[in-house]
C-alpha atoms as a PDB file:
ATOM      1  CA  ASP A   1      73.517 225.902  50.561  1.00  0.00           C
ATOM      2  CA  LEU A   2      70.526 223.587  50.903  1.00  0.00           C
ATOM      3  CA  ARG A   3      72.268 220.689  52.648  1.00  0.00           C
ATOM      4  CA  LYS A   4      70.562 221.397  55.989  1.00  0.00           C
ATOM      5  CA  VAL A   5      67.095 221.835  54.461  1.00  0.00           C
ATOM      6  CA  GLU A   6      65.183 218.569  54.833  1.00  0.00           C
ATOM      7  CA  SER A   7      62.926 218.982  51.805  1.00  0.00           C
ATOM      8  CA  ALA A   8      65.709 220.085  49.428  1.00  0.00           C
ATOM      9  CA  VAL A   9      66.135 218.194  46.180  1.00  0.00           C
ATOM     10  CA  THR A  10      69.778 219.196  45.763  1.00  0.00           C
ATOM     11  CA  ASP A  11      72.733 220.373  47.845  1.00  0.00           C
ATOM     12  CA  PHE A  12      73.228 223.794  46.266  1.00  0.00           C
ATOM     13  CA  PHE A  13      71.361 226.334  44.167  1.00  0.00           C
ATOM     14  CA  VAL A  14      73.246 228.890  42.117  1.00  0.00           C
ATOM     15  CA  ILE A  15      70.854 231.738  41.336  1.00  0.00           C
ATOM     16  CA  CYS A  16      71.748 234.563  38.968  1.00  0.00           C
ATOM     17  CA  HIS A  17      70.190 236.729  36.295  1.00  0.00           C
ATOM     18  CA  GLY A  18      70.810 238.576  33.081  1.00  0.00           C
ATOM     19  CA  THR A  19      69.130 241.638  31.656  1.00  0.00           C
ATOM     20  CA  SER A  20      68.205 240.116  28.275  1.00  0.00           C
ATOM     21  CA  SER A  21      67.401 236.640  26.981  1.00  0.00           C
ATOM     22  CA  THR A  22      70.654 236.754  25.006  1.00  0.00           C
ATOM     23  CA  GLN A  23      72.611 237.435  28.190  1.00  0.00           C
ATOM     24  CA  VAL A  24      70.731 234.706  30.100  1.00  0.00           C
ATOM     25  CA  GLU A  25      71.638 232.188  27.398  1.00  0.00           C
ATOM     26  CA  ALA A  26      75.269 233.368  27.327  1.00  0.00           C
ATOM     27  CA  ILE A  27      75.545 232.929  31.113  1.00  0.00           C
ATOM     28  CA  ALA A  28      74.105 229.408  30.876  1.00  0.00           C
ATOM     29  CA  ILE A  29      76.441 228.434  28.033  1.00  0.00           C
ATOM     30  CA  ASN A  30      79.403 229.818  29.989  1.00  0.00           C
ATOM     31  CA  ILE A  31      78.424 227.805  33.076  1.00  0.00           C
ATOM     32  CA  GLU A  32      78.190 224.645  30.974  1.00  0.00           C
ATOM     33  CA  ASP A  33      81.570 225.343  29.341  1.00  0.00           C
ATOM     34  CA  GLU A  34      83.362 226.103  32.621  1.00  0.00           C
ATOM     35  CA  VAL A  35      81.924 223.082  34.457  1.00  0.00           C
ATOM     36  CA  LYS A  36      82.861 220.850  31.503  1.00  0.00           C
ATOM     37  CA  LYS A  37      86.439 222.221  31.528  1.00  0.00           C
ATOM     38  CA  ALA A  38      86.890 222.071  35.300  1.00  0.00           C
ATOM     39  CA  LEU A  39      85.035 218.854  36.154  1.00  0.00           C
ATOM     40  CA  ASN A  40      84.369 217.157  32.815  1.00  0.00           C
ATOM     41  CA  GLU A  41      80.646 217.091  33.664  1.00  0.00           C
ATOM     42  CA  THR A  42      77.577 218.000  31.671  1.00  0.00           C
ATOM     43  CA  PRO A  43      74.157 218.741  33.158  1.00  0.00           C
ATOM     44  CA  VAL A  44      71.935 215.785  33.956  1.00  0.00           C
ATOM     45  CA  HIS A  45      69.111 217.986  32.720  1.00  0.00           C
ATOM     46  CA  ALA A  46      68.910 221.411  31.080  1.00  0.00           C
ATOM     47  CA  GLU A  47      65.819 223.374  30.138  1.00  0.00           C
ATOM     48  CA  GLY A  48      64.695 226.862  29.253  1.00  0.00           C
ATOM     49  CA  TYR A  49      67.057 227.656  26.388  1.00  0.00           C
ATOM     50  CA  ARG A  50      64.118 228.058  24.024  1.00  0.00           C
ATOM     51  CA  ASN A  51      62.593 231.101  25.750  1.00  0.00           C
ATOM     52  CA  GLY A  52      65.665 232.445  27.581  1.00  0.00           C
ATOM     53  CA  GLU A  53      63.688 233.672  30.593  1.00  0.00           C
ATOM     54  CA  TRP A  54      64.714 230.975  33.084  1.00  0.00           C
ATOM     55  CA  ILE A  55      67.358 228.425  32.204  1.00  0.00           C
ATOM     56  CA  LEU A  56      67.873 225.557  34.614  1.00  0.00           C
ATOM     57  CA  LEU A  57      71.061 223.482  34.595  1.00  0.00           C
ATOM     58  CA  ASP A  58      70.830 220.412  36.834  1.00  0.00           C
ATOM     59  CA  TYR A  59      74.134 218.853  37.852  1.00  0.00           C
ATOM     60  CA  PHE A  60      72.367 216.698  40.492  1.00  0.00           C
ATOM     61  CA  ASN A  61      74.145 218.112  43.587  1.00  0.00           C
ATOM     62  CA  VAL A  62      74.142 221.644  42.167  1.00  0.00           C
ATOM     63  CA  VAL A  63      71.295 223.261  40.249  1.00  0.00           C
ATOM     64  CA  ALA A  64      71.928 226.554  38.472  1.00  0.00           C
ATOM     65  CA  HIS A  65      68.997 228.895  37.855  1.00  0.00           C
ATOM     66  CA  ILE A  66      69.744 231.625  35.330  1.00  0.00           C
ATOM     67  CA  PHE A  67      66.876 234.103  35.153  1.00  0.00           C
ATOM     68  CA  LEU A  68      65.867 237.094  33.140  1.00  0.00           C
ATOM     69  CA  GLU A  69      65.996 239.808  35.816  1.00  0.00           C
ATOM     70  CA  GLU A  70      62.228 240.418  35.992  1.00  0.00           C
ATOM     71  CA  LYS A  71      61.543 236.657  36.213  1.00  0.00           C
ATOM     72  CA  ARG A  72      63.967 236.350  39.124  1.00  0.00           C
ATOM     73  CA  ASP A  73      62.153 239.202  40.879  1.00  0.00           C
ATOM     74  CA  PHE A  74      58.806 237.503  40.211  1.00  0.00           C
ATOM     75  CA  TYR A  75      59.682 233.952  41.350  1.00  0.00           C
ATOM     76  CA  LYS A  76      61.863 234.971  44.318  1.00  0.00           C
ATOM     77  CA  LEU A  77      63.551 231.580  44.783  1.00  0.00           C
ATOM     78  CA  GLU A  78      65.682 233.039  47.540  1.00  0.00           C
ATOM     79  CA  LYS A  79      62.532 233.625  49.627  1.00  0.00           C
ATOM     80  CA  LEU A  80      61.036 230.256  48.696  1.00  0.00           C
ATOM     81  CA  TRP A  81      64.132 228.531  50.108  1.00  0.00           C
ATOM     82  CA  ALA A  82      64.572 230.933  53.035  1.00  0.00           C
ATOM     83  CA  ASP A  83      65.806 228.102  55.304  1.00  0.00           C
ATOM     84  CA  ALA A  84      68.944 227.763  53.191  1.00  0.00           C
ATOM     85  CA  GLU A  85      72.269 229.396  53.945  1.00  0.00           C
ATOM     86  CA  PHE A  86      72.877 232.175  51.416  1.00  0.00           C
ATOM     87  CA  ARG A  87      76.172 233.443  50.123  1.00  0.00           C
ATOM     88  CA  LYS A  88      76.235 236.395  47.750  1.00  0.00           C
ATOM     89  CA  VAL A  89      79.047 236.310  45.221  1.00  0.00           C
ATOM     90  CA  GLY A  90      80.136 239.252  43.119  1.00  0.00           C
END
């Protein structure tokens, strides 16, 4: 939850990872499908499908980051946005 972070570019980040590029892509496709079904929305911007290491889905108020596990460990977005309120799901 980034709503209380002054420099935030969105309200929420969803950060997750897969263990292979195939799994990362499958997670991203599933997010797109479920958001389309539930809210009839598509991402304003999507990138990263080509390499499958870090796929970003931008829904303006919510940005989903789907990482390959080692890329998530390397970039450590959770530490970069340490002022945010975190909620672990699953």
